[in-house]
Amino acid sequence: MPVAKIDEKGRILLPKEIRDKMNIKPGEEFLVADVDENAVILKRIDVRKMLEDLIEKAKSIDLEKLEREIEEEGNRIARRRYKISD
């Protein structure tokens, strides 16, 4: 099992054999999660792809329907809060 060291700036260099095996390229981004005080998990992410997917999904949103639903929910909450019957 390869060993990596942390430098004075907190950086960790992934061993070359792992980078090659996983085809990790410079500039790729990772989420970092701490499992416990002795373990972390790195998960490769593609922020550009995530944003592109979100933009595509947003294009299909019916804004008029969303506005109606927001207004209806606001009215429902107001009626309940101020005890107004339908």
PDB file of N, CA and C in Angstrom:
ATOM      1  N   MET A   1       0.855  -1.171   0.000  1.00  0.00           N
ATOM      2  CA  MET A   1       0.000   0.000   0.000  1.00  0.00           C
ATOM      3  C   MET A   1       0.902   1.236   0.000  1.00  0.00           C
ATOM      4  N   PRO A   2       0.694   2.150  -0.962  1.00  0.00           N
ATOM      5  CA  PRO A   2       1.529   3.344  -1.039  1.00  0.00           C
ATOM      6  C   PRO A   2       1.265   4.301   0.136  1.00  0.00           C
ATOM      7  N   VAL A   3       2.284   5.076   0.461  1.00  0.00           N
ATOM      8  CA  VAL A   3       2.183   6.050   1.554  1.00  0.00           C
ATOM      9  C   VAL A   3       2.343   7.446   0.967  1.00  0.00           C
ATOM     10  N   ALA A   4       1.539   8.388   1.467  1.00  0.00           N
ATOM     11  CA  ALA A   4       1.639   9.783   1.038  1.00  0.00           C
ATOM     12  C   ALA A   4       1.920  10.631   2.269  1.00  0.00           C
ATOM     13  N   LYS A   5       2.633  11.738   2.073  1.00  0.00           N
ATOM     14  CA  LYS A   5       2.925  12.657   3.171  1.00  0.00           C
ATOM     15  C   LYS A   5       2.242  13.982   2.914  1.00  0.00           C
ATOM     16  N   ILE A   6       1.894  14.654   3.991  1.00  0.00           N
ATOM     17  CA  ILE A   6       1.300  15.979   3.892  1.00  0.00           C
ATOM     18  C   ILE A   6       2.423  17.004   4.014  1.00  0.00           C
ATOM     19  N   ASP A   7       2.394  18.057   3.198  1.00  0.00           N
ATOM     20  CA  ASP A   7       3.450  19.069   3.294  1.00  0.00           C
ATOM     21  C   ASP A   7       3.026  20.205   4.221  1.00  0.00           C
ATOM     22  N   GLU A   8       3.889  21.201   4.348  1.00  0.00           N
ATOM     23  CA  GLU A   8       3.644  22.306   5.282  1.00  0.00           C
ATOM     24  C   GLU A   8       2.417  23.147   4.902  1.00  0.00           C
ATOM     25  N   LYS A   9       1.956  23.045   3.679  1.00  0.00           N
ATOM     26  CA  LYS A   9       0.760  23.786   3.252  1.00  0.00           C
ATOM     27  C   LYS A   9      -0.501  22.915   3.302  1.00  0.00           C
ATOM     28  N   GLY A  10      -0.372  21.696   3.821  1.00  0.00           N
ATOM     29  CA  GLY A  10      -1.528  20.818   3.943  1.00  0.00           C
ATOM     30  C   GLY A  10      -1.835  20.008   2.701  1.00  0.00           C
ATOM     31  N   ARG A  11      -0.946  20.026   1.745  1.00  0.00           N
ATOM     32  CA  ARG A  11      -1.176  19.294   0.492  1.00  0.00           C
ATOM     33  C   ARG A  11      -0.701  17.851   0.616  1.00  0.00           C
ATOM     34  N   ILE A  12      -1.440  16.973  -0.051  1.00  0.00           N
ATOM     35  CA  ILE A  12      -1.062  15.562  -0.112  1.00  0.00           C
ATOM     36  C   ILE A  12      -0.889  15.195  -1.582  1.00  0.00           C
ATOM     37  N   LEU A  13       0.229  14.590  -1.898  1.00  0.00           N
ATOM     38  CA  LEU A  13       0.478  14.133  -3.263  1.00  0.00           C
ATOM     39  C   LEU A  13       0.042  12.679  -3.353  1.00  0.00           C
ATOM     40  N   LEU A  14      -0.943  12.422  -4.224  1.00  0.00           N
ATOM     41  CA  LEU A  14      -1.356  11.035  -4.418  1.00  0.00           C
ATOM     42  C   LEU A  14      -0.244  10.287  -5.150  1.00  0.00           C
ATOM     43  N   PRO A  15       0.067   9.093  -4.715  1.00  0.00           N
ATOM     44  CA  PRO A  15       1.117   8.322  -5.383  1.00  0.00           C
ATOM     45  C   PRO A  15       0.813   8.119  -6.867  1.00  0.00           C
ATOM     46  N   LYS A  16       1.869   8.131  -7.667  1.00  0.00           N
ATOM     47  CA  LYS A  16       1.741   8.022  -9.119  1.00  0.00           C
ATOM     48  C   LYS A  16       0.972   6.777  -9.541  1.00  0.00           C
ATOM     49  N   GLU A  17       1.221   5.658  -8.880  1.00  0.00           N
ATOM     50  CA  GLU A  17       0.529   4.425  -9.275  1.00  0.00           C
ATOM     51  C   GLU A  17      -0.990   4.552  -9.108  1.00  0.00           C
ATOM     52  N   ILE A  18      -1.439   5.292  -8.108  1.00  0.00           N
ATOM     53  CA  ILE A  18      -2.877   5.518  -7.913  1.00  0.00           C
ATOM     54  C   ILE A  18      -3.402   6.485  -8.969  1.00  0.00           C
ATOM     55  N   ARG A  19      -2.653   7.575  -9.219  1.00  0.00           N
ATOM     56  CA  ARG A  19      -3.074   8.542 -10.247  1.00  0.00           C
ATOM     57  C   ARG A  19      -3.181   7.873 -11.607  1.00  0.00           C
ATOM     58  N   ASP A  20      -2.217   7.036 -11.922  1.00  0.00           N
ATOM     59  CA  ASP A  20      -2.238   6.333 -13.220  1.00  0.00           C
ATOM     60  C   ASP A  20      -3.394   5.345 -13.284  1.00  0.00           C
ATOM     61  N   LYS A  21      -3.574   4.560 -12.232  1.00  0.00           N
ATOM     62  CA  LYS A  21      -4.633   3.543 -12.208  1.00  0.00           C
ATOM     63  C   LYS A  21      -6.005   4.179 -12.347  1.00  0.00           C
ATOM     64  N   MET A  22      -6.203   5.337 -11.712  1.00  0.00           N
ATOM     65  CA  MET A  22      -7.510   6.004 -11.721  1.00  0.00           C
ATOM     66  C   MET A  22      -7.605   7.070 -12.805  1.00  0.00           C
ATOM     67  N   ASN A  23      -6.536   7.214 -13.589  1.00  0.00           N
ATOM     68  CA  ASN A  23      -6.491   8.212 -14.667  1.00  0.00           C
ATOM     69  C   ASN A  23      -6.813   9.614 -14.139  1.00  0.00           C
ATOM     70  N   ILE A  24      -6.187   9.975 -13.032  1.00  0.00           N
ATOM     71  CA  ILE A  24      -6.385  11.289 -12.410  1.00  0.00           C
ATOM     72  C   ILE A  24      -5.438  12.280 -13.067  1.00  0.00           C
ATOM     73  N   LYS A  25      -6.006  13.382 -13.538  1.00  0.00           N
ATOM     74  CA  LYS A  25      -5.237  14.409 -14.235  1.00  0.00           C
ATOM     75  C   LYS A  25      -5.132  15.668 -13.373  1.00  0.00           C
ATOM     76  N   PRO A  26      -4.083  16.483 -13.581  1.00  0.00           N
ATOM     77  CA  PRO A  26      -3.952  17.742 -12.849  1.00  0.00           C
ATOM     78  C   PRO A  26      -5.178  18.631 -13.043  1.00  0.00           C
ATOM     79  N   GLY A  27      -5.611  19.258 -11.985  1.00  0.00           N
ATOM     80  CA  GLY A  27      -6.754  20.155 -12.048  1.00  0.00           C
ATOM     81  C   GLY A  27      -8.086  19.499 -11.720  1.00  0.00           C
ATOM     82  N   GLU A  28      -8.124  18.166 -11.651  1.00  0.00           N
ATOM     83  CA  GLU A  28      -9.370  17.506 -11.279  1.00  0.00           C
ATOM     84  C   GLU A  28      -9.714  17.860  -9.838  1.00  0.00           C
ATOM     85  N   GLU A  29     -11.029  17.834  -9.536  1.00  0.00           N
ATOM     86  CA  GLU A  29     -11.482  18.243  -8.213  1.00  0.00           C
ATOM     87  C   GLU A  29     -12.063  17.049  -7.459  1.00  0.00           C
ATOM     88  N   PHE A  30     -11.925  17.114  -6.123  1.00  0.00           N
ATOM     89  CA  PHE A  30     -12.384  16.045  -5.252  1.00  0.00           C
ATOM     90  C   PHE A  30     -13.138  16.622  -4.069  1.00  0.00           C
ATOM     91  N   LEU A  31     -14.198  15.938  -3.681  1.00  0.00           N
ATOM     92  CA  LEU A  31     -14.838  16.234  -2.403  1.00  0.00           C
ATOM     93  C   LEU A  31     -14.041  15.506  -1.345  1.00  0.00           C
ATOM     94  N   VAL A  32     -13.910  16.125  -0.176  1.00  0.00           N
ATOM     95  CA  VAL A  32     -13.165  15.514   0.916  1.00  0.00           C
ATOM     96  C   VAL A  32     -14.104  15.381   2.102  1.00  0.00           C
ATOM     97  N   ALA A  33     -14.243  14.159   2.620  1.00  0.00           N
ATOM     98  CA  ALA A  33     -15.101  13.920   3.778  1.00  0.00           C
ATOM     99  C   ALA A  33     -14.291  13.209   4.853  1.00  0.00           C
ATOM    100  N   ASP A  34     -14.438  13.682   6.094  1.00  0.00           N
ATOM    101  CA  ASP A  34     -13.748  12.987   7.179  1.00  0.00           C
ATOM    102  C   ASP A  34     -14.664  11.894   7.720  1.00  0.00           C
ATOM    103  N   VAL A  35     -14.122  10.691   7.804  1.00  0.00           N
ATOM    104  CA  VAL A  35     -14.860   9.539   8.306  1.00  0.00           C
ATOM    105  C   VAL A  35     -14.754   9.490   9.818  1.00  0.00           C
ATOM    106  N   ASP A  36     -13.553   9.652  10.308  1.00  0.00           N
ATOM    107  CA  ASP A  36     -13.291   9.767  11.731  1.00  0.00           C
ATOM    108  C   ASP A  36     -11.972  10.518  11.873  1.00  0.00           C
ATOM    109  N   GLU A  37     -11.403  10.540  13.057  1.00  0.00           N
ATOM    110  CA  GLU A  37     -10.188  11.346  13.253  1.00  0.00           C
ATOM    111  C   GLU A  37      -8.960  10.779  12.550  1.00  0.00           C
ATOM    112  N   ASN A  38      -9.057   9.578  12.002  1.00  0.00           N
ATOM    113  CA  ASN A  38      -7.916   8.964  11.332  1.00  0.00           C
ATOM    114  C   ASN A  38      -8.162   8.602   9.866  1.00  0.00           C
ATOM    115  N   ALA A  39      -9.301   9.001   9.322  1.00  0.00           N
ATOM    116  CA  ALA A  39      -9.603   8.593   7.948  1.00  0.00           C
ATOM    117  C   ALA A  39     -10.381   9.678   7.209  1.00  0.00           C
ATOM    118  N   VAL A  40     -10.039   9.843   5.932  1.00  0.00           N
ATOM    119  CA  VAL A  40     -10.776  10.743   5.043  1.00  0.00           C
ATOM    120  C   VAL A  40     -11.110   9.977   3.763  1.00  0.00           C
ATOM    121  N   ILE A  41     -12.136  10.458   3.085  1.00  0.00           N
ATOM    122  CA  ILE A  41     -12.521   9.878   1.797  1.00  0.00           C
ATOM    123  C   ILE A  41     -12.410  10.978   0.750  1.00  0.00           C
ATOM    124  N   LEU A  42     -11.810  10.655  -0.376  1.00  0.00           N
ATOM    125  CA  LEU A  42     -11.750  11.556  -1.521  1.00  0.00           C
ATOM    126  C   LEU A  42     -12.699  11.013  -2.576  1.00  0.00           C
ATOM    127  N   LYS A  43     -13.552  11.879  -3.125  1.00  0.00           N
ATOM    128  CA  LYS A  43     -14.458  11.480  -4.206  1.00  0.00           C
ATOM    129  C   LYS A  43     -14.269  12.439  -5.364  1.00  0.00           C
ATOM    130  N   ARG A  44     -13.895  11.900  -6.492  1.00  0.00           N
ATOM    131  CA  ARG A  44     -13.692  12.728  -7.678  1.00  0.00           C
ATOM    132  C   ARG A  44     -15.026  13.311  -8.125  1.00  0.00           C
ATOM    133  N   ILE A  45     -15.018  14.602  -8.440  1.00  0.00           N
ATOM    134  CA  ILE A  45     -16.222  15.261  -8.932  1.00  0.00           C
ATOM    135  C   ILE A  45     -15.877  16.058 -10.180  1.00  0.00           C
ATOM    136  N   ASP A  46     -16.879  16.294 -10.992  1.00  0.00           N
ATOM    137  CA  ASP A  46     -16.725  17.113 -12.187  1.00  0.00           C
ATOM    138  C   ASP A  46     -17.709  18.274 -12.044  1.00  0.00           C
ATOM    139  N   VAL A  47     -17.237  19.390 -11.497  1.00  0.00           N
ATOM    140  CA  VAL A  47     -18.090  20.537 -11.215  1.00  0.00           C
ATOM    141  C   VAL A  47     -18.728  21.067 -12.490  1.00  0.00           C
ATOM    142  N   ARG A  48     -17.974  21.158 -13.560  1.00  0.00           N
ATOM    143  CA  ARG A  48     -18.521  21.655 -14.832  1.00  0.00           C
ATOM    144  C   ARG A  48     -19.696  20.789 -15.282  1.00  0.00           C
ATOM    145  N   LYS A  49     -19.533  19.471 -15.247  1.00  0.00           N
ATOM    146  CA  LYS A  49     -20.606  18.547 -15.643  1.00  0.00           C
ATOM    147  C   LYS A  49     -21.817  18.706 -14.734  1.00  0.00           C
ATOM    148  N   MET A  50     -21.585  18.848 -13.427  1.00  0.00           N
ATOM    149  CA  MET A  50     -22.690  19.030 -12.485  1.00  0.00           C
ATOM    150  C   MET A  50     -23.470  20.296 -12.825  1.00  0.00           C
ATOM    151  N   LEU A  51     -22.765  21.382 -13.113  1.00  0.00           N
ATOM    152  CA  LEU A  51     -23.433  22.636 -13.460  1.00  0.00           C
ATOM    153  C   LEU A  51     -24.176  22.527 -14.784  1.00  0.00           C
ATOM    154  N   GLU A  52     -23.576  21.887 -15.764  1.00  0.00           N
ATOM    155  CA  GLU A  52     -24.245  21.694 -17.051  1.00  0.00           C
ATOM    156  C   GLU A  52     -25.533  20.895 -16.877  1.00  0.00           C
ATOM    157  N   ASP A  53     -25.490  19.854 -16.041  1.00  0.00           N
ATOM    158  CA  ASP A  53     -26.680  19.050 -15.786  1.00  0.00           C
ATOM    159  C   ASP A  53     -27.761  19.879 -15.100  1.00  0.00           C
ATOM    160  N   LEU A  54     -27.369  20.702 -14.130  1.00  0.00           N
ATOM    161  CA  LEU A  54     -28.334  21.559 -13.439  1.00  0.00           C
ATOM    162  C   LEU A  54     -28.978  22.563 -14.394  1.00  0.00           C
ATOM    163  N   ILE A  55     -28.175  23.142 -15.274  1.00  0.00           N
ATOM    164  CA  ILE A  55     -28.699  24.100 -16.249  1.00  0.00           C
ATOM    165  C   ILE A  55     -29.712  23.417 -17.170  1.00  0.00           C
ATOM    166  N   GLU A  56     -29.401  22.212 -17.625  1.00  0.00           N
ATOM    167  CA  GLU A  56     -30.332  21.482 -18.485  1.00  0.00           C
ATOM    168  C   GLU A  56     -31.636  21.193 -17.758  1.00  0.00           C
ATOM    169  N   LYS A  57     -31.546  20.778 -16.498  1.00  0.00           N
ATOM    170  CA  LYS A  57     -32.759  20.500 -15.727  1.00  0.00           C
ATOM    171  C   LYS A  57     -33.558  21.778 -15.508  1.00  0.00           C
ATOM    172  N   ALA A  58     -32.878  22.886 -15.267  1.00  0.00           N
ATOM    173  CA  ALA A  58     -33.559  24.158 -15.011  1.00  0.00           C
ATOM    174  C   ALA A  58     -34.331  24.627 -16.245  1.00  0.00           C
ATOM    175  N   LYS A  59     -33.851  24.287 -17.425  1.00  0.00           N
ATOM    176  CA  LYS A  59     -34.526  24.700 -18.661  1.00  0.00           C
ATOM    177  C   LYS A  59     -35.928  24.107 -18.772  1.00  0.00           C
ATOM    178  N   SER A  60     -36.158  22.978 -18.127  1.00  0.00           N
ATOM    179  CA  SER A  60     -37.461  22.314 -18.243  1.00  0.00           C
ATOM    180  C   SER A  60     -38.453  22.758 -17.169  1.00  0.00           C
ATOM    181  N   ILE A  61     -38.067  23.661 -16.290  1.00  0.00           N
ATOM    182  CA  ILE A  61     -38.960  24.115 -15.227  1.00  0.00           C
ATOM    183  C   ILE A  61     -39.989  25.092 -15.790  1.00  0.00           C
ATOM    184  N   ASP A  62     -41.245  24.854 -15.462  1.00  0.00           N
ATOM    185  CA  ASP A  62     -42.344  25.739 -15.858  1.00  0.00           C
ATOM    186  C   ASP A  62     -42.438  26.834 -14.794  1.00  0.00           C
ATOM    187  N   LEU A  63     -41.910  28.026 -15.102  1.00  0.00           N
ATOM    188  CA  LEU A  63     -41.849  29.099 -14.115  1.00  0.00           C
ATOM    189  C   LEU A  63     -43.223  29.592 -13.692  1.00  0.00           C
ATOM    190  N   GLU A  64     -44.171  29.624 -14.617  1.00  0.00           N
ATOM    191  CA  GLU A  64     -45.531  30.058 -14.259  1.00  0.00           C
ATOM    192  C   GLU A  64     -46.165  29.081 -13.272  1.00  0.00           C
ATOM    193  N   LYS A  65     -45.979  27.799 -13.513  1.00  0.00           N
ATOM    194  CA  LYS A  65     -46.503  26.779 -12.595  1.00  0.00           C
ATOM    195  C   LYS A  65     -45.825  26.908 -11.237  1.00  0.00           C
ATOM    196  N   LEU A  66     -44.528  27.111 -11.243  1.00  0.00           N
ATOM    197  CA  LEU A  66     -43.788  27.268  -9.988  1.00  0.00           C
ATOM    198  C   LEU A  66     -44.291  28.476  -9.205  1.00  0.00           C
ATOM    199  N   GLU A  67     -44.517  29.596  -9.886  1.00  0.00           N
ATOM    200  CA  GLU A  67     -45.045  30.792  -9.218  1.00  0.00           C
ATOM    201  C   GLU A  67     -46.411  30.519  -8.609  1.00  0.00           C
ATOM    202  N   ARG A  68     -47.291  29.815  -9.348  1.00  0.00           N
ATOM    203  CA  ARG A  68     -48.617  29.472  -8.824  1.00  0.00           C
ATOM    204  C   ARG A  68     -48.505  28.607  -7.576  1.00  0.00           C
ATOM    205  N   GLU A  69     -47.626  27.610  -7.636  1.00  0.00           N
ATOM    206  CA  GLU A  69     -47.459  26.712  -6.493  1.00  0.00           C
ATOM    207  C   GLU A  69     -46.914  27.457  -5.279  1.00  0.00           C
ATOM    208  N   ILE A  70     -45.980  28.384  -5.497  1.00  0.00           N
ATOM    209  CA  ILE A  70     -45.430  29.173  -4.393  1.00  0.00           C
ATOM    210  C   ILE A  70     -46.516  30.046  -3.786  1.00  0.00           C
ATOM    211  N   GLU A  71     -47.323  30.682  -4.634  1.00  0.00           N
ATOM    212  CA  GLU A  71     -48.397  31.534  -4.138  1.00  0.00           C
ATOM    213  C   GLU A  71     -49.423  30.711  -3.354  1.00  0.00           C
ATOM    214  N   GLU A  72     -49.788  29.552  -3.891  1.00  0.00           N
ATOM    215  CA  GLU A  72     -50.752  28.691  -3.207  1.00  0.00           C
ATOM    216  C   GLU A  72     -50.206  28.253  -1.848  1.00  0.00           C
ATOM    217  N   GLU A  73     -48.961  27.875  -1.792  1.00  0.00           N
ATOM    218  CA  GLU A  73     -48.358  27.444  -0.521  1.00  0.00           C
ATOM    219  C   GLU A  73     -48.294  28.602   0.462  1.00  0.00           C
ATOM    220  N   GLY A  74     -47.932  29.795  -0.006  1.00  0.00           N
ATOM    221  CA  GLY A  74     -47.908  30.980   0.855  1.00  0.00           C
ATOM    222  C   GLY A  74     -49.283  31.285   1.410  1.00  0.00           C
ATOM    223  N   ASN A  75     -50.315  31.183   0.564  1.00  0.00           N
ATOM    224  CA  ASN A  75     -51.685  31.405   1.018  1.00  0.00           C
ATOM    225  C   ASN A  75     -52.109  30.352   2.037  1.00  0.00           C
ATOM    226  N   ARG A  76     -51.753  29.104   1.785  1.00  0.00           N
ATOM    227  CA  ARG A  76     -52.095  28.024   2.719  1.00  0.00           C
ATOM    228  C   ARG A  76     -51.457  28.269   4.082  1.00  0.00           C
ATOM    229  N   ILE A  77     -50.191  28.649   4.093  1.00  0.00           N
ATOM    230  CA  ILE A  77     -49.492  28.922   5.352  1.00  0.00           C
ATOM    231  C   ILE A  77     -50.118  30.113   6.065  1.00  0.00           C
ATOM    232  N   ALA A  78     -50.444  31.162   5.319  1.00  0.00           N
ATOM    233  CA  ALA A  78     -51.053  32.354   5.922  1.00  0.00           C
ATOM    234  C   ALA A  78     -52.417  32.018   6.528  1.00  0.00           C
ATOM    235  N   ARG A  79     -53.240  31.215   5.795  1.00  0.00           N
ATOM    236  CA  ARG A  79     -54.552  30.831   6.327  1.00  0.00           C
ATOM    237  C   ARG A  79     -54.408  30.053   7.626  1.00  0.00           C
ATOM    238  N   ARG A  80     -53.473  29.147   7.662  1.00  0.00           N
ATOM    239  CA  ARG A  80     -53.258  28.334   8.869  1.00  0.00           C
ATOM    240  C   ARG A  80     -52.736  29.206  10.008  1.00  0.00           C
ATOM    241  N   ARG A  81     -51.791  30.044   9.700  1.00  0.00           N
ATOM    242  CA  ARG A  81     -51.180  30.891  10.747  1.00  0.00           C
ATOM    243  C   ARG A  81     -52.176  31.885  11.349  1.00  0.00           C
ATOM    244  N   TYR A  82     -52.990  32.479  10.490  1.00  0.00           N
ATOM    245  CA  TYR A  82     -53.931  33.493  10.964  1.00  0.00           C
ATOM    246  C   TYR A  82     -55.335  32.924  11.127  1.00  0.00           C
ATOM    247  N   LYS A  83     -55.450  31.584  11.085  1.00  0.00           N
ATOM    248  CA  LYS A  83     -56.711  30.891  11.311  1.00  0.00           C
ATOM    249  C   LYS A  83     -57.852  31.422  10.442  1.00  0.00           C
ATOM    250  N   ILE A  84     -57.578  31.471   9.148  1.00  0.00           N
ATOM    251  CA  ILE A  84     -58.567  31.907   8.158  1.00  0.00           C
ATOM    252  C   ILE A  84     -59.095  30.669   7.463  1.00  0.00           C
ATOM    253  N   SER A  85     -60.406  30.509   7.419  1.00  0.00           N
ATOM    254  CA  SER A  85     -60.977  29.335   6.766  1.00  0.00           C
ATOM    255  C   SER A  85     -61.042  29.551   5.251  1.00  0.00           C
ATOM    256  N   ASP A  86     -61.067  28.446   4.510  1.00  0.00           N
ATOM    257  CA  ASP A  86     -61.106  28.507   3.032  1.00  0.00           C
ATOM    258  C   ASP A  86     -62.365  29.102   2.532  1.00  0.00           C
TER     259      ASP A  86
END
